[in-house]
Amino acid sequence: MRSAGALHRLLDVLPVFDGDERISVRFTLVPGSDFDVDALAALEHSGARTITWDAARAGRHDLILTASPKGALRVLSGPLALLPHGAGFNKTIDGDGSPCLPSGLDPHYLLTRGEPWADLYALAHDDQLARLGRCCPPAAARATVVGDPTLDRLLASAHHRESYREALGTGLRKLVVLTSTWGPESLLARRPGLPGELAGRLPHDAYQLALILHPNEHSKIGSLDLSRQLVPALDAGLVLAAPYEEWAAVLVAADAVVTDHGSTALYAAALGRPVIGAYDGTDELIPDSPMARLLQQVPALSAADALEDALAAAGSVDTVGLANAAFARQRQSLDQLRHEFYRLLGLRPRPVAVTASCLPSPTTAPRRPVAFAVRAAVSGQRISVARLAPHTRETAHHLAVEQPVAGQRQAESAAVLWRRASHQAPALPGGAWTADGWTARILDEYPGCRTAAAVLTPTRCLVRHRTAGPLSVRIAPHRADGQVLRPDPAAVVSAVHAWLGSAARPEPPVSLVCDTGPLTVRVHLTAAHATDLGYEL
């Protein structure tokens, strides 16, 4: 292996050897890659065993697997299989190998002194075999179409979509996933502000954002700089998917994908997800490749505020049909590879069924936003609210901020300050604020605050308005299709705040209708109950 991305491909095919005690697997790091930083860490996490490059060169091996044609692989001794790397051959890198050819089709990488150095070239589609025959006939003579093991894992995991969405906290929101390849022509390099722009444009209660980066970008930039560069979007709840397995689970969970010319979008297309193009890679994108044909057919996103229109247009595109140009032998790759690998090993495989393993649930927890710029529209006793990231350029009705976790500057600028009850006893002896006492103190300490709210439970709040006084809020759940659905009570607090500030309002008790994202709930507002006033926070 040369990089974390190549390692991930190898790990996806290892189930072909399941149940066979005759097989021992060892990994080595092929020197020369700019993106090998994370490879050894990923290996350590997987529990795999390694040998040094010198030891690999010195020994004889029964089978050598690689997912990249680059590096000094020719010096290794033993039958060698080159596996698919990415979905199709869509991208060429200026100054890397032969002009206008991807490395997987390039004689510069596939031949040594005019002869193929690999015993098997495993491909994902018959069109790839035809292209290899035109670009490098000697290698094509040793090639066979096996399918794509990574796609097969995605397909095997499709029925876990709801559990992945639950792990991500998606709920009823639309999960929009941005995907970026690596290098200077990637989406993140060419439109670095797009994640933050979308986070500032899309209502938090209606949309969730995620970002999938090529493993090379994770290796080059590092988690520290990525977290720093993406702060506005991460603070707004962006999910930055981990580069092994989690990215694929996020793709399964997605409702739509915004992409550059990287091949990740082809996996999304194969799952039937709507795709929107945000950057085409200019000269890196190979004309008439599967990715080029996909980008020609899907809508393009010129600006963040055009996303809703692009989503509507993307839904009418047959992405599965376009993806079929990159993926053949679907759900068959491990059986095909087992046949080829054991042929090279000269062994009969064990009578064990080989199946693509399902992806584990995502474990990256998005940050919970602590401040919102809130748009609000009041029509009688119906209120619609849309909560946006505080850095939005949209006109907002008010700023709502969570205490005590938000910064002091945000708190001093907020018209609404809220706090969630901890539901935990104090760890040390001492007092606890009641909802009555805390809301009164907040209005005293923050003269710009008009409404202080204590979120007591998912259905109960105590709201203290500067002119209307303390009020109890009860949120009726939304029931549909056998499910009980609840909005974020903090969104309802913003709706109540907007209604209390409206020109004409009846005195409580009153029943309101609140629209937050895809949910509409009924909210009952009464004079403050003693149990709410005395609730310990």
Protein backbone atom coordinates (compact mmCIF):
# COMPACT_ATOMS: atom_id res chain seq x y z
CA MET A 1 0.00 0.00 0.00
CA ARG A 2 1.08 3.61 -0.60
CA SER A 3 -1.65 5.60 1.12
CA ALA A 4 -4.61 5.33 3.45
CA GLY A 5 -6.95 5.31 0.44
CA ALA A 6 -5.17 2.32 -1.10
CA LEU A 7 -5.21 0.55 2.27
CA HIS A 8 -8.97 1.00 2.57
CA ARG A 9 -9.43 -0.69 -0.80
CA LEU A 10 -7.34 -3.64 0.31
CA LEU A 11 -9.29 -4.02 3.53
CA ASP A 12 -12.52 -4.19 1.54
CA VAL A 13 -11.35 -7.29 -0.36
CA LEU A 14 -9.87 -9.30 2.52
CA PRO A 15 -13.16 -11.13 3.24
CA VAL A 16 -12.34 -13.32 0.22
CA PHE A 17 -9.98 -15.19 2.56
CA ASP A 18 -12.47 -15.54 5.45
CA GLY A 19 -12.44 -18.94 7.11
CA ASP A 20 -9.09 -19.95 5.60
CA GLU A 21 -6.43 -20.64 8.23
CA ARG A 22 -3.86 -21.24 5.50
CA ILE A 23 -3.76 -17.55 4.64
CA SER A 24 -1.76 -15.01 6.65
CA VAL A 25 -1.98 -11.36 5.65
CA ARG A 26 0.83 -8.86 6.11
CA PHE A 27 0.98 -5.25 4.97
CA THR A 28 3.93 -3.17 3.87
CA LEU A 29 4.23 0.52 3.04
CA VAL A 30 5.49 1.09 -0.49
CA PRO A 31 7.78 4.13 -0.29
CA GLY A 32 7.39 7.26 -2.38
CA SER A 33 3.86 8.53 -1.74
CA ASP A 34 3.10 12.04 -0.51
CA PHE A 35 0.03 10.66 1.26
CA ASP A 36 1.38 7.86 3.43
CA VAL A 37 1.07 9.75 6.73
CA ASP A 38 -2.26 8.23 7.76
CA ALA A 39 -1.69 4.77 6.29
CA LEU A 40 0.23 3.31 9.23
CA ALA A 41 -2.20 4.84 11.74
CA ALA A 42 -5.09 3.25 9.83
CA LEU A 43 -3.27 -0.08 9.86
CA GLU A 44 -2.75 0.15 13.61
CA HIS A 45 -6.45 0.84 14.08
CA SER A 46 -7.38 -2.18 11.93
CA GLY A 47 -5.26 -4.57 14.00
CA ALA A 48 -3.30 -5.72 10.92
CA ARG A 49 0.31 -6.89 11.05
CA THR A 50 3.06 -5.27 9.00
CA ILE A 51 6.48 -6.04 7.61
CA THR A 52 9.09 -3.52 6.57
CA TRP A 53 9.64 -2.65 2.94
CA ASP A 54 13.11 -4.20 3.10
CA ALA A 55 11.65 -7.44 4.44
CA ALA A 56 8.98 -7.41 1.73
CA ARG A 57 11.65 -7.01 -0.95
CA ALA A 58 13.76 -9.79 0.47
CA GLY A 59 11.07 -12.46 0.72
CA ARG A 60 9.03 -14.54 -1.67
CA HIS A 61 5.26 -14.11 -1.40
CA ASP A 62 2.42 -16.39 -2.45
CA LEU A 63 0.25 -13.43 -3.52
CA ILE A 64 0.75 -9.68 -3.60
CA LEU A 65 -2.26 -7.36 -3.62
CA THR A 66 -2.08 -3.67 -4.43
CA ALA A 67 -4.67 -0.99 -5.11
CA SER A 68 -2.27 1.42 -6.80
CA PRO A 69 -0.03 0.88 -9.82
CA LYS A 70 2.52 3.38 -8.52
CA GLY A 71 5.69 2.68 -6.59
CA ALA A 72 8.42 0.07 -6.82
CA LEU A 73 6.05 -2.90 -6.85
CA ARG A 74 8.03 -4.58 -9.60
CA VAL A 75 10.83 -5.48 -7.17
CA LEU A 76 8.54 -7.72 -5.10
CA SER A 77 8.63 -11.45 -5.72
CA GLY A 78 5.39 -13.36 -6.22
CA PRO A 79 2.19 -13.28 -8.26
CA LEU A 80 0.73 -9.78 -8.18
CA ALA A 81 -2.88 -8.54 -8.50
CA LEU A 82 -3.75 -4.90 -9.16
CA LEU A 83 -7.18 -4.04 -7.75
CA PRO A 84 -9.66 -1.31 -8.71
CA HIS A 85 -8.86 2.09 -7.21
CA GLY A 86 -11.81 4.46 -7.28
CA ALA A 87 -14.93 4.22 -9.37
CA GLY A 88 -13.77 4.16 -12.97
CA PHE A 89 -10.91 5.99 -14.65
CA ASN A 90 -12.15 9.57 -14.64
CA LYS A 91 -9.23 11.76 -13.67
CA THR A 92 -5.78 12.57 -15.00
CA ILE A 93 -3.11 14.54 -13.14
CA ASP A 94 -0.92 17.01 -15.01
CA GLY A 95 2.74 15.94 -14.91
CA ASP A 96 1.91 12.47 -13.58
CA GLY A 97 2.67 9.67 -16.04
CA SER A 98 1.49 9.91 -19.64
CA PRO A 99 -0.51 13.00 -20.68
CA CYS A 100 -4.30 12.70 -20.49
CA LEU A 101 -4.26 9.16 -19.08
CA PRO A 102 -5.29 7.99 -15.61
CA SER A 103 -2.67 5.89 -13.85
CA GLY A 104 -4.89 2.78 -14.02
CA LEU A 105 -4.74 2.83 -17.84
CA ASP A 106 -1.24 4.24 -18.28
CA PRO A 107 1.51 2.04 -19.81
CA HIS A 108 3.98 4.23 -17.91
CA TYR A 109 2.74 2.60 -14.70
CA LEU A 110 1.44 -0.74 -15.95
CA LEU A 111 4.43 -1.96 -17.95
CA THR A 112 8.09 -2.65 -17.26
CA ARG A 113 10.27 -2.75 -20.37
CA GLY A 114 7.11 -3.19 -22.42
CA GLU A 115 5.76 -6.12 -20.38
CA PRO A 116 2.98 -6.10 -17.74
CA TRP A 117 4.34 -6.60 -14.24
CA ALA A 118 1.01 -7.69 -12.70
CA ASP A 119 -0.48 -11.13 -13.18
CA LEU A 120 -4.01 -9.84 -12.75
CA TYR A 121 -5.56 -6.46 -13.55
CA ALA A 122 -8.95 -6.46 -11.80
CA LEU A 123 -11.46 -4.03 -13.29
CA ALA A 124 -14.95 -2.89 -12.35
CA HIS A 125 -16.62 -2.65 -15.77
CA ASP A 126 -16.31 -4.01 -19.31
CA ASP A 127 -15.87 -0.46 -20.63
CA GLN A 128 -12.72 -0.20 -18.50
CA LEU A 129 -11.42 -3.36 -20.11
CA ALA A 130 -12.07 -1.89 -23.55
CA ARG A 131 -10.30 1.35 -22.60
CA LEU A 132 -7.35 -0.60 -21.21
CA GLY A 133 -7.18 -2.55 -24.47
CA ARG A 134 -6.85 0.70 -26.40
CA CYS A 135 -4.35 2.32 -24.01
CA CYS A 136 -2.26 -0.66 -22.93
CA PRO A 137 -2.94 -3.92 -24.83
CA PRO A 138 -0.34 -6.02 -22.95
CA ALA A 139 -2.00 -5.26 -19.61
CA ALA A 140 -5.47 -5.86 -21.05
CA ALA A 141 -4.44 -9.40 -21.91
CA ARG A 142 -4.15 -10.09 -18.18
CA ALA A 143 -7.24 -8.15 -17.12
CA THR A 144 -10.63 -9.37 -16.04
CA VAL A 145 -13.83 -7.66 -14.90
CA VAL A 146 -14.64 -8.49 -11.28
CA GLY A 147 -16.88 -5.61 -10.15
CA ASP A 148 -16.26 -3.13 -7.34
CA PRO A 149 -15.93 -4.41 -3.73
CA THR A 150 -16.55 -0.95 -2.27
CA LEU A 151 -19.81 -0.56 -4.16
CA ASP A 152 -20.86 -4.01 -3.01
CA ARG A 153 -20.37 -2.95 0.62
CA LEU A 154 -22.52 0.12 -0.01
CA LEU A 155 -25.25 -1.98 -1.61
CA ALA A 156 -25.10 -4.54 1.20
CA SER A 157 -25.52 -1.72 3.72
CA ALA A 158 -28.47 0.03 2.05
CA HIS A 159 -30.99 -1.47 4.48
CA HIS A 160 -29.12 0.15 7.37
CA ARG A 161 -29.85 3.63 6.05
CA GLU A 162 -32.23 4.59 8.85
CA SER A 163 -29.83 3.45 11.56
CA TYR A 164 -27.03 5.48 9.96
CA ARG A 165 -29.29 8.54 9.91
CA GLU A 166 -30.17 7.95 13.53
CA ALA A 167 -26.48 7.78 14.45
CA LEU A 168 -25.89 11.07 12.63
CA GLY A 169 -28.88 12.75 14.29
CA THR A 170 -30.43 13.49 10.91
CA GLY A 171 -34.07 12.92 11.85
CA LEU A 172 -36.51 14.24 9.25
CA ARG A 173 -33.98 16.62 7.75
CA LYS A 174 -32.52 16.29 4.28
CA LEU A 175 -28.91 15.16 4.49
CA VAL A 176 -26.89 16.96 1.80
CA VAL A 177 -23.39 15.54 1.39
CA LEU A 178 -20.52 17.45 -0.21
CA THR A 179 -17.78 15.32 -1.76
CA SER A 180 -14.33 16.57 -2.68
CA THR A 181 -11.50 14.77 -4.45
CA TRP A 182 -7.86 15.61 -3.78
CA GLY A 183 -5.45 18.09 -5.30
CA PRO A 184 -5.54 21.68 -6.56
CA GLU A 185 -8.60 21.07 -8.75
CA SER A 186 -10.74 19.65 -5.96
CA LEU A 187 -13.97 21.21 -4.74
CA LEU A 188 -12.41 22.12 -1.41
CA ALA A 189 -9.46 23.80 -3.13
CA ARG A 190 -11.52 25.68 -5.72
CA ARG A 191 -14.56 26.55 -3.61
CA PRO A 192 -13.27 26.40 -0.02
CA GLY A 193 -16.06 28.60 1.28
CA LEU A 194 -18.90 26.42 -0.04
CA PRO A 195 -19.42 24.35 3.15
CA GLY A 196 -19.73 27.52 5.22
CA GLU A 197 -21.93 29.21 2.63
CA LEU A 198 -24.35 26.29 2.57
CA ALA A 199 -24.33 26.12 6.38
CA GLY A 200 -25.29 29.80 6.44
CA ARG A 201 -28.02 29.34 3.88
CA LEU A 202 -29.79 26.09 4.82
CA PRO A 203 -32.19 26.06 7.80
CA HIS A 204 -30.85 23.83 10.56
CA ASP A 205 -34.20 22.15 11.21
CA ALA A 206 -34.69 21.24 7.54
CA TYR A 207 -31.18 20.29 6.38
CA GLN A 208 -28.08 18.53 7.64
CA LEU A 209 -24.72 18.94 5.93
CA ALA A 210 -21.86 16.46 5.69
CA LEU A 211 -18.49 16.58 3.94
CA ILE A 212 -16.61 13.62 2.46
CA LEU A 213 -12.98 14.34 1.64
CA HIS A 214 -10.62 12.10 -0.30
CA PRO A 215 -8.26 10.28 2.11
CA ASN A 216 -5.33 12.10 0.46
CA GLU A 217 -6.76 15.41 1.65
CA HIS A 218 -7.08 14.10 5.20
CA SER A 219 -3.42 13.03 5.02
CA LYS A 220 -2.17 16.28 3.48
CA ILE A 221 -4.12 18.77 5.58
CA GLY A 222 -4.46 16.89 8.88
CA SER A 223 -7.33 16.92 11.35
CA LEU A 224 -6.09 20.00 13.21
CA ASP A 225 -6.04 22.26 10.17
CA LEU A 226 -9.25 20.76 8.77
CA SER A 227 -11.06 21.54 12.02
CA ARG A 228 -9.70 25.09 11.94
CA GLN A 229 -10.46 25.76 8.29
CA LEU A 230 -14.01 24.42 8.51
CA VAL A 231 -14.96 26.10 11.81
CA PRO A 232 -18.04 28.03 10.55
CA ALA A 233 -19.57 24.92 8.99
CA LEU A 234 -18.55 22.58 11.83
CA ASP A 235 -20.02 24.93 14.44
CA ALA A 236 -23.24 24.90 12.42
CA GLY A 237 -23.40 21.09 12.65
CA LEU A 238 -21.44 19.89 9.58
CA VAL A 239 -20.47 16.21 9.76
CA LEU A 240 -16.86 15.69 8.62
CA ALA A 241 -16.88 11.99 7.71
CA ALA A 242 -13.92 9.81 8.60
CA PRO A 243 -12.05 8.51 5.52
CA TYR A 244 -12.51 4.78 6.19
CA GLU A 245 -15.98 3.20 6.14
CA GLU A 246 -17.75 6.17 7.73
CA TRP A 247 -17.72 8.13 4.47
CA ALA A 248 -19.58 5.25 2.83
CA ALA A 249 -22.15 5.02 5.64
CA VAL A 250 -22.75 8.77 5.30
CA LEU A 251 -23.26 8.28 1.56
CA VAL A 252 -25.86 5.58 2.24
CA ALA A 253 -27.61 7.96 4.65
CA ALA A 254 -27.57 10.88 2.21
CA ASP A 255 -30.56 12.45 0.48
CA ALA A 256 -28.44 14.22 -2.14
CA VAL A 257 -24.79 14.78 -3.06
CA VAL A 258 -22.98 17.93 -4.20
CA THR A 259 -19.75 16.96 -5.91
CA ASP A 260 -16.71 17.81 -7.98
CA HIS A 261 -15.24 15.40 -10.54
CA GLY A 262 -14.14 12.87 -7.91
CA SER A 263 -15.52 9.38 -8.27
CA THR A 264 -17.27 9.28 -4.88
CA ALA A 265 -20.34 10.74 -6.57
CA LEU A 266 -20.58 7.66 -8.80
CA TYR A 267 -21.12 5.54 -5.69
CA ALA A 268 -23.90 7.91 -4.64
CA ALA A 269 -25.39 7.69 -8.12
CA ALA A 270 -25.32 3.89 -7.97
CA LEU A 271 -27.39 4.14 -4.77
CA GLY A 272 -29.93 6.28 -6.62
CA ARG A 273 -29.08 9.50 -4.82
CA PRO A 274 -29.61 12.82 -6.65
CA VAL A 275 -26.28 14.39 -7.67
CA ILE A 276 -25.45 18.07 -8.18
CA GLY A 277 -22.22 19.25 -9.79
CA ALA A 278 -20.30 22.04 -8.07
CA TYR A 279 -16.96 21.88 -9.94
CA ASP A 280 -15.87 19.84 -12.96
CA GLY A 281 -12.10 19.70 -12.44
CA THR A 282 -11.39 21.41 -15.81
CA ASP A 283 -8.54 19.54 -17.53
CA GLU A 284 -8.36 16.81 -14.87
CA LEU A 285 -11.70 15.33 -15.91
CA ILE A 286 -11.30 12.83 -18.74
CA PRO A 287 -13.87 13.47 -21.52
CA ASP A 288 -16.52 10.79 -22.01
CA SER A 289 -15.55 9.03 -18.77
CA PRO A 290 -18.41 7.86 -16.51
CA MET A 291 -17.89 10.87 -14.24
CA ALA A 292 -17.85 13.28 -17.18
CA ARG A 293 -21.13 11.84 -18.46
CA LEU A 294 -22.66 12.09 -15.00
CA LEU A 295 -21.69 15.75 -14.60
CA GLN A 296 -23.07 16.53 -18.06
CA GLN A 297 -26.51 15.25 -17.06
CA VAL A 298 -26.94 16.57 -13.52
CA PRO A 299 -27.67 20.21 -12.55
CA ALA A 300 -24.78 22.50 -11.63
CA LEU A 301 -24.61 24.56 -8.46
CA SER A 302 -23.39 28.07 -9.23
CA ALA A 303 -24.06 29.53 -5.77
CA ALA A 304 -25.17 28.33 -2.35
CA ASP A 305 -28.52 30.11 -2.61
CA ALA A 306 -29.39 28.03 -5.69
CA LEU A 307 -29.27 24.69 -3.86
CA GLU A 308 -33.03 24.24 -3.41
CA ASP A 309 -33.63 24.69 -7.16
CA ALA A 310 -30.73 22.34 -7.97
CA LEU A 311 -32.14 19.70 -5.61
CA ALA A 312 -35.51 19.87 -7.36
CA ALA A 313 -33.87 19.47 -10.78
CA ALA A 314 -31.54 16.68 -9.64
CA GLY A 315 -34.41 14.47 -8.59
CA SER A 316 -35.46 13.92 -12.21
CA VAL A 317 -32.07 12.52 -13.34
CA ASP A 318 -31.64 8.74 -13.59
CA THR A 319 -28.39 8.54 -11.65
CA VAL A 320 -28.49 4.75 -11.37
CA GLY A 321 -28.46 4.41 -15.15
CA LEU A 322 -25.49 6.76 -15.40
CA ALA A 323 -23.60 4.89 -12.68
CA ASN A 324 -24.10 1.58 -14.45
CA ALA A 325 -21.47 2.76 -16.93
CA ALA A 326 -18.89 2.44 -14.15
CA PHE A 327 -20.04 -0.67 -12.27
CA ALA A 328 -20.61 -4.17 -13.60
CA ARG A 329 -20.94 -7.51 -11.78
CA GLN A 330 -22.71 -5.73 -8.94
CA ARG A 331 -22.85 -7.75 -5.70
CA GLN A 332 -20.48 -10.33 -7.26
CA SER A 333 -17.03 -8.82 -6.75
CA LEU A 334 -15.87 -10.91 -3.79
CA ASP A 335 -16.84 -14.17 -5.47
CA GLN A 336 -15.05 -13.06 -8.64
CA LEU A 337 -11.94 -11.98 -6.73
CA ARG A 338 -11.84 -15.16 -4.67
CA HIS A 339 -11.81 -17.21 -7.86
CA GLU A 340 -8.95 -15.13 -9.29
CA PHE A 341 -6.90 -14.93 -6.07
CA TYR A 342 -7.06 -18.64 -5.35
CA ARG A 343 -6.16 -19.36 -8.95
CA LEU A 344 -2.99 -17.32 -8.47
CA LEU A 345 -2.35 -19.02 -5.12
CA GLY A 346 -2.82 -22.48 -6.62
CA LEU A 347 -5.24 -23.38 -3.84
CA ARG A 348 -8.84 -24.52 -3.63
CA PRO A 349 -10.89 -22.03 -1.55
CA ARG A 350 -12.52 -23.16 1.67
CA PRO A 351 -16.26 -23.89 1.41
CA VAL A 352 -17.20 -20.65 3.18
CA ALA A 353 -19.76 -18.22 1.80
CA VAL A 354 -18.22 -14.87 0.99
CA THR A 355 -20.38 -11.80 1.44
CA ALA A 356 -19.71 -8.08 1.51
CA SER A 357 -19.77 -6.88 5.10
CA CYS A 358 -22.16 -4.13 6.15
CA LEU A 359 -20.70 -0.79 7.09
CA PRO A 360 -20.60 0.14 10.77
CA SER A 361 -22.72 3.04 11.95
CA PRO A 362 -21.10 6.49 11.86
CA THR A 363 -19.45 7.54 15.11
CA THR A 364 -18.54 11.15 14.29
CA ALA A 365 -20.86 13.29 16.38
CA PRO A 366 -21.66 16.65 14.78
CA ARG A 367 -21.30 19.69 16.99
CA ARG A 368 -24.56 20.91 18.43
CA PRO A 369 -25.01 24.54 17.36
CA VAL A 370 -25.24 26.95 20.28
CA ALA A 371 -26.40 30.03 18.38
CA PHE A 372 -28.88 30.68 15.59
CA ALA A 373 -29.90 33.61 13.45
CA VAL A 374 -33.65 33.03 13.35
CA ARG A 375 -36.02 34.03 10.58
CA ALA A 376 -39.61 34.21 11.82
CA ALA A 377 -42.95 34.87 10.19
CA VAL A 378 -46.06 35.44 12.35
CA SER A 379 -49.53 35.12 10.87
CA GLY A 380 -52.13 35.32 13.62
CA GLN A 381 -51.46 32.34 15.85
CA ARG A 382 -49.26 30.52 13.37
CA ILE A 383 -45.49 31.03 13.45
CA SER A 384 -42.89 29.73 11.02
CA VAL A 385 -39.25 29.76 12.09
CA ALA A 386 -36.08 28.95 10.18
CA ARG A 387 -32.89 28.74 12.25
CA LEU A 388 -29.69 29.57 10.39
CA ALA A 389 -26.03 29.63 11.34
CA PRO A 390 -25.14 32.96 13.00
CA HIS A 391 -22.71 33.81 10.19
CA THR A 392 -25.53 33.81 7.63
CA ARG A 393 -26.02 36.71 5.25
CA GLU A 394 -29.77 36.21 5.41
CA THR A 395 -31.92 38.80 7.19
CA ALA A 396 -32.90 37.46 10.61
CA HIS A 397 -35.66 38.32 13.11
CA HIS A 398 -33.47 37.65 16.14
CA LEU A 399 -30.36 35.90 17.46
CA ALA A 400 -31.01 32.96 19.80
CA VAL A 401 -28.17 31.66 21.94
CA GLU A 402 -27.73 28.75 24.35
CA GLN A 403 -26.40 29.47 27.82
CA PRO A 404 -23.92 28.83 29.33
CA VAL A 405 -22.11 27.16 26.43
CA ALA A 406 -22.08 30.05 23.93
CA GLY A 407 -19.52 32.84 23.99
CA GLN A 408 -20.11 36.03 25.93
CA ARG A 409 -20.21 38.21 22.83
CA GLN A 410 -22.98 36.12 21.30
CA ALA A 411 -24.90 36.12 24.58
CA GLU A 412 -24.72 39.91 24.82
CA SER A 413 -26.12 40.21 21.27
CA ALA A 414 -28.96 37.73 21.70
CA ALA A 415 -32.64 38.57 21.94
CA VAL A 416 -33.34 35.00 23.13
CA LEU A 417 -31.22 33.13 25.65
CA TRP A 418 -32.11 29.58 26.52
CA ARG A 419 -30.74 26.84 28.74
CA ARG A 420 -31.38 23.12 28.75
CA ALA A 421 -32.01 21.39 32.08
CA SER A 422 -29.21 18.98 32.93
CA HIS A 423 -31.46 16.27 34.46
CA GLN A 424 -28.52 15.35 36.67
CA ALA A 425 -27.99 15.82 40.39
CA PRO A 426 -25.06 18.09 41.31
CA ALA A 427 -21.83 16.14 41.66
CA LEU A 428 -20.80 18.23 44.70
CA PRO A 429 -22.82 19.80 47.52
CA GLY A 430 -24.29 23.15 46.46
CA GLY A 431 -27.32 24.93 45.10
CA ALA A 432 -29.14 24.64 41.78
CA TRP A 433 -31.00 27.30 39.86
CA THR A 434 -34.74 27.00 39.49
CA ALA A 435 -36.21 27.86 36.11
CA ASP A 436 -37.87 30.91 37.72
CA GLY A 437 -34.65 32.16 39.29
CA TRP A 438 -32.44 31.55 36.27
CA THR A 439 -34.72 33.23 33.72
CA ALA A 440 -35.15 36.27 36.01
CA ARG A 441 -31.37 36.53 36.48
CA ILE A 442 -30.72 36.34 32.72
CA LEU A 443 -33.05 39.27 32.00
CA ASP A 444 -31.31 41.26 34.74
CA GLU A 445 -27.78 40.47 33.49
CA TYR A 446 -28.42 40.87 29.73
CA PRO A 447 -30.35 44.05 28.99
CA GLY A 448 -30.51 43.22 25.27
CA CYS A 449 -32.28 39.91 25.93
CA ARG A 450 -36.05 40.01 25.45
CA THR A 451 -36.83 36.35 26.23
CA ALA A 452 -35.12 33.91 28.58
CA ALA A 453 -36.19 30.28 28.41
CA ALA A 454 -35.49 27.14 30.39
CA VAL A 455 -35.98 23.98 28.35
CA LEU A 456 -37.15 21.54 30.99
CA THR A 457 -38.03 18.47 28.88
CA PRO A 458 -38.62 17.82 25.17
CA THR A 459 -42.23 18.97 25.69
CA ARG A 460 -41.97 21.57 28.50
CA CYS A 461 -40.38 25.01 28.72
CA LEU A 462 -40.58 28.00 31.01
CA VAL A 463 -40.36 31.24 29.06
CA ARG A 464 -39.88 34.64 30.68
CA HIS A 465 -40.60 37.56 28.37
CA ARG A 466 -39.53 41.06 29.32
CA THR A 467 -43.08 42.44 29.03
CA ALA A 468 -45.32 39.34 29.10
CA GLY A 469 -43.64 37.81 32.15
CA PRO A 470 -43.22 34.10 32.90
CA LEU A 471 -45.20 31.62 30.82
CA SER A 472 -45.42 27.85 30.60
CA VAL A 473 -45.02 26.24 27.19
CA ARG A 474 -46.30 22.79 26.30
CA ILE A 475 -45.31 21.24 22.96
CA ALA A 476 -47.62 18.61 21.54
CA PRO A 477 -45.75 15.95 19.55
CA HIS A 478 -46.37 15.43 15.85
CA ARG A 479 -47.78 11.97 15.17
CA ALA A 480 -47.55 10.45 11.69
CA ASP A 481 -47.18 6.95 10.21
CA GLY A 482 -46.89 5.33 13.61
CA GLN A 483 -44.13 7.67 14.75
CA VAL A 484 -43.99 10.32 17.45
CA LEU A 485 -41.93 13.26 16.20
CA ARG A 486 -40.75 16.24 18.22
CA PRO A 487 -39.03 19.48 17.24
CA ASP A 488 -36.10 20.98 19.11
CA PRO A 489 -37.78 22.89 21.99
CA ALA A 490 -35.30 25.73 21.43
CA ALA A 491 -36.86 26.28 17.99
CA VAL A 492 -40.29 26.51 19.61
CA VAL A 493 -38.90 29.04 22.10
CA SER A 494 -37.88 31.24 19.16
CA ALA A 495 -41.37 30.87 17.69
CA VAL A 496 -42.98 31.89 21.00
CA HIS A 497 -40.60 34.85 21.25
CA ALA A 498 -41.58 36.04 17.77
CA TRP A 499 -45.29 35.70 18.58
CA LEU A 500 -44.95 37.56 21.89
CA GLY A 501 -43.35 40.44 20.04
CA SER A 502 -46.03 40.64 17.37
CA ALA A 503 -48.34 43.64 17.14
CA ALA A 504 -51.60 42.00 18.21
CA ARG A 505 -51.74 38.94 20.43
CA PRO A 506 -54.40 37.59 22.78
CA GLU A 507 -53.62 36.97 26.43
CA PRO A 508 -52.70 33.41 27.40
CA PRO A 509 -53.95 30.75 27.57
CA VAL A 510 -53.58 30.40 23.83
CA SER A 511 -52.87 27.63 21.35
CA LEU A 512 -50.29 28.32 18.65
CA VAL A 513 -49.22 26.43 15.53
CA CYS A 514 -45.47 26.28 15.02
CA ASP A 515 -43.70 25.30 11.78
CA THR A 516 -40.06 24.26 12.20
CA GLY A 517 -38.45 22.61 9.20
CA PRO A 518 -40.54 19.60 8.12
CA LEU A 519 -42.52 19.52 11.40
CA THR A 520 -45.69 21.36 12.36
CA VAL A 521 -46.67 21.14 16.03
CA ARG A 522 -49.24 22.70 18.29
CA VAL A 523 -47.91 24.74 21.20
CA HIS A 524 -49.97 25.65 24.28
CA LEU A 525 -49.06 28.83 26.14
CA THR A 526 -50.38 29.47 29.66
CA ALA A 527 -49.55 31.42 32.76
CA ALA A 528 -46.51 29.87 34.42
CA HIS A 529 -47.20 26.71 36.41
CA ALA A 530 -45.67 26.45 39.86
CA THR A 531 -44.01 23.15 38.91
CA ASP A 532 -42.25 24.86 36.00
CA LEU A 533 -41.19 27.88 38.06
CA GLY A 534 -39.67 25.61 40.71
CA TYR A 535 -38.05 23.15 38.27
CA GLU A 536 -34.38 22.63 39.19
CA LEU A 537 -32.00 23.16 36.31
